[in-house]
Amino acid sequence: MPGAHVNAVGSNQAGKRELPADLIAQASLIAVDSVEQAKIESGDLLLADFDWFDPRLVELKDIAARPPGISIFKSNGLGLEDVAVAALVYERSR
């Protein structure tokens, strides 16, 4: 469905996926935490024979505006994200 957004955060192993390859093919934007990490851990993209030079692929930090169409955020989880959230929760709880 155009305008849909999918957050995929469950699979972070090269041999496992949670997204079907046809959904990845339909997406107008695919954002990842880190392209280098996705090349190692993102079974969703690896098992879909994803082209790592595909212009739809961006790192989350580089998104300025969301285009129309289906977009995907495929998170493999970065420890830095966990530390940043923990620091925010800690500061707000004080």
PDB file of N, CA and C in Angstrom:
ATOM      1  N   MET A   1       0.846  -1.172   0.000  1.00  0.00           N
ATOM      2  CA  MET A   1       0.000   0.000   0.000  1.00  0.00           C
ATOM      3  C   MET A   1       0.893   1.237   0.000  1.00  0.00           C
ATOM      4  N   PRO A   2       0.789   2.115  -0.985  1.00  0.00           N
ATOM      5  CA  PRO A   2       1.587   3.338  -1.011  1.00  0.00           C
ATOM      6  C   PRO A   2       1.377   4.163   0.260  1.00  0.00           C
ATOM      7  N   GLY A   3       2.445   4.718   0.752  1.00  0.00           N
ATOM      8  CA  GLY A   3       2.391   5.517   1.976  1.00  0.00           C
ATOM      9  C   GLY A   3       2.589   4.697   3.227  1.00  0.00           C
ATOM     10  N   ALA A   4       2.684   3.383   3.095  1.00  0.00           N
ATOM     11  CA  ALA A   4       2.892   2.511   4.259  1.00  0.00           C
ATOM     12  C   ALA A   4       4.340   2.594   4.715  1.00  0.00           C
ATOM     13  N   HIS A   5       4.549   2.349   5.998  1.00  0.00           N
ATOM     14  CA  HIS A   5       5.902   2.280   6.542  1.00  0.00           C
ATOM     15  C   HIS A   5       6.020   1.016   7.380  1.00  0.00           C
ATOM     16  N   VAL A   6       7.148   0.334   7.271  1.00  0.00           N
ATOM     17  CA  VAL A   6       7.403  -0.896   8.005  1.00  0.00           C
ATOM     18  C   VAL A   6       8.657  -0.715   8.847  1.00  0.00           C
ATOM     19  N   ASN A   7       8.557  -0.971  10.149  1.00  0.00           N
ATOM     20  CA  ASN A   7       9.734  -1.051  11.014  1.00  0.00           C
ATOM     21  C   ASN A   7      10.032  -2.524  11.222  1.00  0.00           C
ATOM     22  N   ALA A   8      11.181  -2.985  10.785  1.00  0.00           N
ATOM     23  CA  ALA A   8      11.575  -4.387  10.928  1.00  0.00           C
ATOM     24  C   ALA A   8      12.772  -4.452  11.866  1.00  0.00           C
ATOM     25  N   VAL A   9      12.545  -4.946  13.063  1.00  0.00           N
ATOM     26  CA  VAL A   9      13.617  -4.936  14.061  1.00  0.00           C
ATOM     27  C   VAL A   9      13.853  -6.304  14.694  1.00  0.00           C
ATOM     28  N   GLY A  10      13.221  -7.337  14.188  1.00  0.00           N
ATOM     29  CA  GLY A  10      13.292  -8.623  14.871  1.00  0.00           C
ATOM     30  C   GLY A  10      14.418  -9.539  14.440  1.00  0.00           C
ATOM     31  N   SER A  11      14.833  -9.476  13.190  1.00  0.00           N
ATOM     32  CA  SER A  11      15.824 -10.421  12.682  1.00  0.00           C
ATOM     33  C   SER A  11      17.155  -9.720  12.453  1.00  0.00           C
ATOM     34  N   ASN A  12      18.210 -10.236  13.056  1.00  0.00           N
ATOM     35  CA  ASN A  12      19.539  -9.660  12.815  1.00  0.00           C
ATOM     36  C   ASN A  12      20.576 -10.765  12.619  1.00  0.00           C
ATOM     37  N   GLN A  13      20.195 -11.748  11.811  1.00  0.00           N
ATOM     38  CA  GLN A  13      21.105 -12.833  11.456  1.00  0.00           C
ATOM     39  C   GLN A  13      21.049 -13.024   9.953  1.00  0.00           C
ATOM     40  N   ALA A  14      22.212 -13.254   9.360  1.00  0.00           N
ATOM     41  CA  ALA A  14      22.316 -13.338   7.898  1.00  0.00           C
ATOM     42  C   ALA A  14      21.397 -14.397   7.290  1.00  0.00           C
ATOM     43  N   GLY A  15      21.101 -15.465   8.005  1.00  0.00           N
ATOM     44  CA  GLY A  15      20.292 -16.544   7.455  1.00  0.00           C
ATOM     45  C   GLY A  15      18.832 -16.502   7.822  1.00  0.00           C
ATOM     46  N   LYS A  16      18.385 -15.427   8.450  1.00  0.00           N
ATOM     47  CA  LYS A  16      16.975 -15.329   8.864  1.00  0.00           C
ATOM     48  C   LYS A  16      16.373 -14.039   8.344  1.00  0.00           C
ATOM     49  N   ARG A  17      15.057 -14.075   8.142  1.00  0.00           N
ATOM     50  CA  ARG A  17      14.363 -12.875   7.686  1.00  0.00           C
ATOM     51  C   ARG A  17      12.985 -12.773   8.315  1.00  0.00           C
ATOM     52  N   GLU A  18      12.462 -11.559   8.327  1.00  0.00           N
ATOM     53  CA  GLU A  18      11.095 -11.322   8.768  1.00  0.00           C
ATOM     54  C   GLU A  18      10.292 -10.603   7.689  1.00  0.00           C
ATOM     55  N   LEU A  19      10.960 -10.154   6.636  1.00  0.00           N
ATOM     56  CA  LEU A  19      10.287  -9.454   5.544  1.00  0.00           C
ATOM     57  C   LEU A  19      10.368 -10.281   4.268  1.00  0.00           C
ATOM     58  N   PRO A  20       9.279 -10.383   3.512  1.00  0.00           N
ATOM     59  CA  PRO A  20       9.338 -11.097   2.242  1.00  0.00           C
ATOM     60  C   PRO A  20      10.100 -10.270   1.190  1.00  0.00           C
ATOM     61  N   ALA A  21      10.780 -10.954   0.309  1.00  0.00           N
ATOM     62  CA  ALA A  21      11.570 -10.289  -0.728  1.00  0.00           C
ATOM     63  C   ALA A  21      10.716  -9.373  -1.598  1.00  0.00           C
ATOM     64  N   ASP A  22       9.456  -9.739  -1.850  1.00  0.00           N
ATOM     65  CA  ASP A  22       8.617  -8.885  -2.695  1.00  0.00           C
ATOM     66  C   ASP A  22       8.313  -7.545  -2.033  1.00  0.00           C
ATOM     67  N   LEU A  23       8.242  -7.495  -0.709  1.00  0.00           N
ATOM     68  CA  LEU A  23       8.040  -6.217  -0.020  1.00  0.00           C
ATOM     69  C   LEU A  23       9.281  -5.341  -0.183  1.00  0.00           C
ATOM     70  N   ILE A  24      10.451  -5.927  -0.067  1.00  0.00           N
ATOM     71  CA  ILE A  24      11.689  -5.172  -0.254  1.00  0.00           C
ATOM     72  C   ILE A  24      11.751  -4.633  -1.684  1.00  0.00           C
ATOM     73  N   ALA A  25      11.328  -5.427  -2.642  1.00  0.00           N
ATOM     74  CA  ALA A  25      11.327  -4.990  -4.044  1.00  0.00           C
ATOM     75  C   ALA A  25      10.377  -3.816  -4.270  1.00  0.00           C
ATOM     76  N   GLN A  26       9.265  -3.757  -3.527  1.00  0.00           N
ATOM     77  CA  GLN A  26       8.265  -2.691  -3.698  1.00  0.00           C
ATOM     78  C   GLN A  26       8.626  -1.396  -2.984  1.00  0.00           C
ATOM     79  N   ALA A  27       9.497  -1.458  -2.002  1.00  0.00           N
ATOM     80  CA  ALA A  27       9.793  -0.283  -1.173  1.00  0.00           C
ATOM     81  C   ALA A  27      10.458   0.826  -1.979  1.00  0.00           C
ATOM     82  N   SER A  28      10.071   2.059  -1.699  1.00  0.00           N
ATOM     83  CA  SER A  28      10.699   3.209  -2.346  1.00  0.00           C
ATOM     84  C   SER A  28      11.873   3.732  -1.524  1.00  0.00           C
ATOM     85  N   LEU A  29      11.985   3.273  -0.291  1.00  0.00           N
ATOM     86  CA  LEU A  29      13.065   3.681   0.601  1.00  0.00           C
ATOM     87  C   LEU A  29      13.368   2.530   1.548  1.00  0.00           C
ATOM     88  N   ILE A  30      14.641   2.226   1.726  1.00  0.00           N
ATOM     89  CA  ILE A  30      15.059   1.211   2.691  1.00  0.00           C
ATOM     90  C   ILE A  30      16.146   1.839   3.549  1.00  0.00           C
ATOM     91  N   ALA A  31      15.827   2.085   4.802  1.00  0.00           N
ATOM     92  CA  ALA A  31      16.777   2.706   5.722  1.00  0.00           C
ATOM     93  C   ALA A  31      17.324   1.654   6.681  1.00  0.00           C
ATOM     94  N   VAL A  32      18.605   1.731   6.949  1.00  0.00           N
ATOM     95  CA  VAL A  32      19.258   0.812   7.877  1.00  0.00           C
ATOM     96  C   VAL A  32      20.060   1.623   8.891  1.00  0.00           C
ATOM     97  N   ASP A  33      20.379   1.003  10.027  1.00  0.00           N
ATOM     98  CA  ASP A  33      21.231   1.668  11.020  1.00  0.00           C
ATOM     99  C   ASP A  33      22.589   1.985  10.399  1.00  0.00           C
ATOM    100  N   SER A  34      23.173   0.965   9.772  1.00  0.00           N
ATOM    101  CA  SER A  34      24.508   1.040   9.187  1.00  0.00           C
ATOM    102  C   SER A  34      24.545   0.115   7.979  1.00  0.00           C
ATOM    103  N   VAL A  35      24.960   0.637   6.840  1.00  0.00           N
ATOM    104  CA  VAL A  35      25.034  -0.196   5.639  1.00  0.00           C
ATOM    105  C   VAL A  35      26.042  -1.322   5.844  1.00  0.00           C
ATOM    106  N   GLU A  36      27.193  -1.014   6.413  1.00  0.00           N
ATOM    107  CA  GLU A  36      28.214  -2.043   6.621  1.00  0.00           C
ATOM    108  C   GLU A  36      27.701  -3.159   7.523  1.00  0.00           C
ATOM    109  N   GLN A  37      26.970  -2.812   8.569  1.00  0.00           N
ATOM    110  CA  GLN A  37      26.405  -3.827   9.457  1.00  0.00           C
ATOM    111  C   GLN A  37      25.318  -4.624   8.744  1.00  0.00           C
ATOM    112  N   ALA A  38      24.495  -3.949   7.953  1.00  0.00           N
ATOM    113  CA  ALA A  38      23.418  -4.630   7.228  1.00  0.00           C
ATOM    114  C   ALA A  38      23.990  -5.676   6.267  1.00  0.00           C
ATOM    115  N   LYS A  39      25.138  -5.391   5.660  1.00  0.00           N
ATOM    116  CA  LYS A  39      25.772  -6.343   4.728  1.00  0.00           C
ATOM    117  C   LYS A  39      26.174  -7.635   5.433  1.00  0.00           C
ATOM    118  N   ILE A  40      26.335  -7.578   6.747  1.00  0.00           N
ATOM    119  CA  ILE A  40      26.752  -8.742   7.526  1.00  0.00           C
ATOM    120  C   ILE A  40      25.564  -9.442   8.178  1.00  0.00           C
ATOM    121  N   GLU A  41      24.615  -8.674   8.716  1.00  0.00           N
ATOM    122  CA  GLU A  41      23.571  -9.221   9.575  1.00  0.00           C
ATOM    123  C   GLU A  41      22.152  -9.221   9.017  1.00  0.00           C
ATOM    124  N   SER A  42      21.880  -8.454   7.996  1.00  0.00           N
ATOM    125  CA  SER A  42      20.492  -8.283   7.575  1.00  0.00           C
ATOM    126  C   SER A  42      20.037  -9.376   6.618  1.00  0.00           C
ATOM    127  N   GLY A  43      19.567 -10.481   7.195  1.00  0.00           N
ATOM    128  CA  GLY A  43      19.043 -11.574   6.397  1.00  0.00           C
ATOM    129  C   GLY A  43      17.918 -11.133   5.480  1.00  0.00           C
ATOM    130  N   ASP A  44      17.125 -10.165   5.929  1.00  0.00           N
ATOM    131  CA  ASP A  44      16.030  -9.660   5.094  1.00  0.00           C
ATOM    132  C   ASP A  44      16.556  -9.181   3.746  1.00  0.00           C
ATOM    133  N   LEU A  45      17.660  -8.477   3.754  1.00  0.00           N
ATOM    134  CA  LEU A  45      18.230  -7.954   2.514  1.00  0.00           C
ATOM    135  C   LEU A  45      19.125  -8.983   1.827  1.00  0.00           C
ATOM    136  N   LEU A  46      19.915  -9.693   2.603  1.00  0.00           N
ATOM    137  CA  LEU A  46      20.814 -10.706   2.039  1.00  0.00           C
ATOM    138  C   LEU A  46      20.034 -11.803   1.319  1.00  0.00           C
ATOM    139  N   LEU A  47      18.977 -12.312   1.944  1.00  0.00           N
ATOM    140  CA  LEU A  47      18.194 -13.398   1.349  1.00  0.00           C
ATOM    141  C   LEU A  47      17.340 -12.935   0.174  1.00  0.00           C
ATOM    142  N   ALA A  48      17.158 -11.622   0.041  1.00  0.00           N
ATOM    143  CA  ALA A  48      16.409 -11.059  -1.091  1.00  0.00           C
ATOM    144  C   ALA A  48      17.355 -10.708  -2.240  1.00  0.00           C
ATOM    145  N   ASP A  49      18.629 -11.103  -2.128  1.00  0.00           N
ATOM    146  CA  ASP A  49      19.642 -10.759  -3.140  1.00  0.00           C
ATOM    147  C   ASP A  49      19.649  -9.261  -3.424  1.00  0.00           C
ATOM    148  N   PHE A  50      19.636  -8.494  -2.362  1.00  0.00           N
ATOM    149  CA  PHE A  50      19.569  -7.034  -2.456  1.00  0.00           C
ATOM    150  C   PHE A  50      20.850  -6.470  -3.066  1.00  0.00           C
ATOM    151  N   ASP A  51      20.710  -5.473  -3.916  1.00  0.00           N
ATOM    152  CA  ASP A  51      21.840  -4.774  -4.530  1.00  0.00           C
ATOM    153  C   ASP A  51      22.274  -3.649  -3.584  1.00  0.00           C
ATOM    154  N   TRP A  52      23.452  -3.790  -3.008  1.00  0.00           N
ATOM    155  CA  TRP A  52      23.933  -2.830  -2.008  1.00  0.00           C
ATOM    156  C   TRP A  52      24.223  -1.452  -2.587  1.00  0.00           C
ATOM    157  N   PHE A  53      24.188  -1.318  -3.916  1.00  0.00           N
ATOM    158  CA  PHE A  53      24.358  -0.012  -4.559  1.00  0.00           C
ATOM    159  C   PHE A  53      23.011   0.591  -4.957  1.00  0.00           C
ATOM    160  N   ASP A  54      21.925  -0.050  -4.562  1.00  0.00           N
ATOM    161  CA  ASP A  54      20.572   0.422  -4.858  1.00  0.00           C
ATOM    162  C   ASP A  54      20.382   1.809  -4.237  1.00  0.00           C
ATOM    163  N   PRO A  55      19.965   2.805  -5.029  1.00  0.00           N
ATOM    164  CA  PRO A  55      19.808   4.166  -4.490  1.00  0.00           C
ATOM    165  C   PRO A  55      18.703   4.301  -3.439  1.00  0.00           C
ATOM    166  N   ARG A  56      17.853   3.289  -3.300  1.00  0.00           N
ATOM    167  CA  ARG A  56      16.813   3.345  -2.262  1.00  0.00           C
ATOM    168  C   ARG A  56      17.388   3.114  -0.875  1.00  0.00           C
ATOM    169  N   LEU A  57      18.597   2.578  -0.793  1.00  0.00           N
ATOM    170  CA  LEU A  57      19.221   2.244   0.488  1.00  0.00           C
ATOM    171  C   LEU A  57      19.911   3.463   1.073  1.00  0.00           C
ATOM    172  N   VAL A  58      19.521   3.813   2.298  1.00  0.00           N
ATOM    173  CA  VAL A  58      20.142   4.937   2.997  1.00  0.00           C
ATOM    174  C   VAL A  58      20.347   4.554   4.460  1.00  0.00           C
ATOM    175  N   GLU A  59      21.285   5.234   5.091  1.00  0.00           N
ATOM    176  CA  GLU A  59      21.420   5.071   6.536  1.00  0.00           C
ATOM    177  C   GLU A  59      20.414   6.003   7.201  1.00  0.00           C
ATOM    178  N   LEU A  60      19.885   5.579   8.320  1.00  0.00           N
ATOM    179  CA  LEU A  60      18.846   6.336   9.020  1.00  0.00           C
ATOM    180  C   LEU A  60      19.276   7.784   9.256  1.00  0.00           C
ATOM    181  N   LYS A  61      20.530   7.988   9.566  1.00  0.00           N
ATOM    182  CA  LYS A  61      21.031   9.344   9.852  1.00  0.00           C
ATOM    183  C   LYS A  61      20.953  10.276   8.644  1.00  0.00           C
ATOM    184  N   ASP A  62      20.808   9.722   7.431  1.00  0.00           N
ATOM    185  CA  ASP A  62      20.824  10.527   6.214  1.00  0.00           C
ATOM    186  C   ASP A  62      19.447  10.871   5.658  1.00  0.00           C
ATOM    187  N   ILE A  63      18.395  10.494   6.350  1.00  0.00           N
ATOM    188  CA  ILE A  63      17.046  10.765   5.839  1.00  0.00           C
ATOM    189  C   ILE A  63      16.642  12.193   6.178  1.00  0.00           C
ATOM    190  N   ALA A  64      16.293  12.947   5.149  1.00  0.00           N
ATOM    191  CA  ALA A  64      15.833  14.321   5.364  1.00  0.00           C
ATOM    192  C   ALA A  64      14.313  14.403   5.277  1.00  0.00           C
ATOM    193  N   ALA A  65      13.727  13.729   4.310  1.00  0.00           N
ATOM    194  CA  ALA A  65      12.269  13.725   4.140  1.00  0.00           C
ATOM    195  C   ALA A  65      11.870  12.375   3.576  1.00  0.00           C
ATOM    196  N   ARG A  66      10.724  11.920   3.990  1.00  0.00           N
ATOM    197  CA  ARG A  66      10.237  10.612   3.542  1.00  0.00           C
ATOM    198  C   ARG A  66       9.498  10.752   2.225  1.00  0.00           C
ATOM    199  N   PRO A  67       9.915  10.024   1.191  1.00  0.00           N
ATOM    200  CA  PRO A  67       9.205  10.087  -0.090  1.00  0.00           C
ATOM    201  C   PRO A  67       7.886   9.328  -0.022  1.00  0.00           C
ATOM    202  N   PRO A  68       6.990   9.559  -0.972  1.00  0.00           N
ATOM    203  CA  PRO A  68       5.765   8.757  -1.003  1.00  0.00           C
ATOM    204  C   PRO A  68       6.094   7.320  -1.365  1.00  0.00           C
ATOM    205  N   GLY A  69       5.203   6.436  -1.054  1.00  0.00           N
ATOM    206  CA  GLY A  69       5.408   5.027  -1.356  1.00  0.00           C
ATOM    207  C   GLY A  69       5.685   4.244  -0.089  1.00  0.00           C
ATOM    208  N   ILE A  70       6.072   3.003  -0.263  1.00  0.00           N
ATOM    209  CA  ILE A  70       6.364   2.129   0.875  1.00  0.00           C
ATOM    210  C   ILE A  70       7.791   2.369   1.318  1.00  0.00           C
ATOM    211  N   SER A  71       7.991   2.561   2.611  1.00  0.00           N
ATOM    212  CA  SER A  71       9.348   2.701   3.144  1.00  0.00           C
ATOM    213  C   SER A  71       9.574   1.632   4.207  1.00  0.00           C
ATOM    214  N   ILE A  72      10.830   1.254   4.372  1.00  0.00           N
ATOM    215  CA  ILE A  72      11.216   0.230   5.348  1.00  0.00           C
ATOM    216  C   ILE A  72      12.362   0.762   6.178  1.00  0.00           C
ATOM    217  N   PHE A  73      12.307   0.549   7.492  1.00  0.00           N
ATOM    218  CA  PHE A  73      13.469   0.749   8.347  1.00  0.00           C
ATOM    219  C   PHE A  73      13.863  -0.615   8.862  1.00  0.00           C
ATOM    220  N   LYS A  74      14.996  -1.123   8.428  1.00  0.00           N
ATOM    221  CA  LYS A  74      15.492  -2.427   8.851  1.00  0.00           C
ATOM    222  C   LYS A  74      16.585  -2.194   9.877  1.00  0.00           C
ATOM    223  N   SER A  75      16.244  -2.388  11.134  1.00  0.00           N
ATOM    224  CA  SER A  75      17.205  -2.193  12.217  1.00  0.00           C
ATOM    225  C   SER A  75      17.848  -3.512  12.586  1.00  0.00           C
ATOM    226  N   ASN A  76      19.153  -3.504  12.666  1.00  0.00           N
ATOM    227  CA  ASN A  76      19.890  -4.651  13.184  1.00  0.00           C
ATOM    228  C   ASN A  76      20.337  -4.371  14.606  1.00  0.00           C
ATOM    229  N   GLY A  77      20.067  -3.158  15.078  1.00  0.00           N
ATOM    230  CA  GLY A  77      20.408  -2.777  16.440  1.00  0.00           C
ATOM    231  C   GLY A  77      21.874  -2.417  16.560  1.00  0.00           C
ATOM    232  N   LEU A  78      22.126  -1.198  16.956  1.00  0.00           N
ATOM    233  CA  LEU A  78      23.479  -0.749  17.227  1.00  0.00           C
ATOM    234  C   LEU A  78      23.581  -0.482  18.724  1.00  0.00           C
ATOM    235  N   GLY A  79      24.649  -0.936  19.344  1.00  0.00           N
ATOM    236  CA  GLY A  79      24.835  -0.715  20.774  1.00  0.00           C
ATOM    237  C   GLY A  79      24.753   0.761  21.126  1.00  0.00           C
ATOM    238  N   LEU A  80      25.215   1.619  20.225  1.00  0.00           N
ATOM    239  CA  LEU A  80      25.176   3.060  20.473  1.00  0.00           C
ATOM    240  C   LEU A  80      23.739   3.555  20.642  1.00  0.00           C
ATOM    241  N   GLU A  81      22.803   2.972  19.886  1.00  0.00           N
ATOM    242  CA  GLU A  81      21.398   3.351  20.041  1.00  0.00           C
ATOM    243  C   GLU A  81      20.903   2.984  21.436  1.00  0.00           C
ATOM    244  N   ASP A  82      21.267   1.806  21.914  1.00  0.00           N
ATOM    245  CA  ASP A  82      20.855   1.363  23.250  1.00  0.00           C
ATOM    246  C   ASP A  82      21.428   2.284  24.327  1.00  0.00           C
ATOM    247  N   VAL A  83      22.685   2.670  24.172  1.00  0.00           N
ATOM    248  CA  VAL A  83      23.323   3.568  25.147  1.00  0.00           C
ATOM    249  C   VAL A  83      22.636   4.928  25.146  1.00  0.00           C
ATOM    250  N   ALA A  84      22.311   5.446  23.972  1.00  0.00           N
ATOM    251  CA  ALA A  84      21.650   6.752  23.884  1.00  0.00           C
ATOM    252  C   ALA A  84      20.276   6.727  24.552  1.00  0.00           C
ATOM    253  N   VAL A  85      19.509   5.676  24.310  1.00  0.00           N
ATOM    254  CA  VAL A  85      18.187   5.558  24.936  1.00  0.00           C
ATOM    255  C   VAL A  85      18.322   5.399  26.440  1.00  0.00           C
ATOM    256  N   ALA A  86      19.255   4.576  26.888  1.00  0.00           N
ATOM    257  CA  ALA A  86      19.464   4.382  28.326  1.00  0.00           C
ATOM    258  C   ALA A  86      19.854   5.695  29.001  1.00  0.00           C
ATOM    259  N   ALA A  87      20.706   6.478  28.360  1.00  0.00           N
ATOM    260  CA  ALA A  87      21.114   7.765  28.926  1.00  0.00           C
ATOM    261  C   ALA A  87      19.917   8.710  29.042  1.00  0.00           C
ATOM    262  N   LEU A  88      19.070   8.728  28.025  1.00  0.00           N
ATOM    263  CA  LEU A  88      17.879   9.589  28.056  1.00  0.00           C
ATOM    264  C   LEU A  88      16.932   9.161  29.176  1.00  0.00           C
ATOM    265  N   VAL A  89      16.678   7.860  29.287  1.00  0.00           N
ATOM    266  CA  VAL A  89      15.796   7.344  30.336  1.00  0.00           C
ATOM    267  C   VAL A  89      16.373   7.677  31.712  1.00  0.00           C
ATOM    268  N   TYR A  90      17.670   7.485  31.873  1.00  0.00           N
ATOM    269  CA  TYR A  90      18.322   7.783  33.148  1.00  0.00           C
ATOM    270  C   TYR A  90      18.177   9.251  33.510  1.00  0.00           C
ATOM    271  N   GLU A  91      18.472  10.129  32.557  1.00  0.00           N
ATOM    272  CA  GLU A  91      18.385  11.575  32.811  1.00  0.00           C
ATOM    273  C   GLU A  91      16.953  11.998  33.159  1.00  0.00           C
ATOM    274  N   ARG A  92      15.995  11.466  32.452  1.00  0.00           N
ATOM    275  CA  ARG A  92      14.594  11.839  32.721  1.00  0.00           C
ATOM    276  C   ARG A  92      14.100  11.283  34.059  1.00  0.00           C
ATOM    277  N   SER A  93      14.665  10.161  34.487  1.00  0.00           N
ATOM    278  CA  SER A  93      14.236   9.584  35.749  1.00  0.00           C
ATOM    279  C   SER A  93      14.823  10.313  36.944  1.00  0.00           C
ATOM    280  N   ARG A  94      15.892  11.046  36.734  1.00  0.00           N
ATOM    281  CA  ARG A  94      16.532  11.799  37.819  1.00  0.00           C
ATOM    282  C   ARG A  94      15.694  12.988  38.101  1.00  0.00           C
TER     283      ARG A  94
END
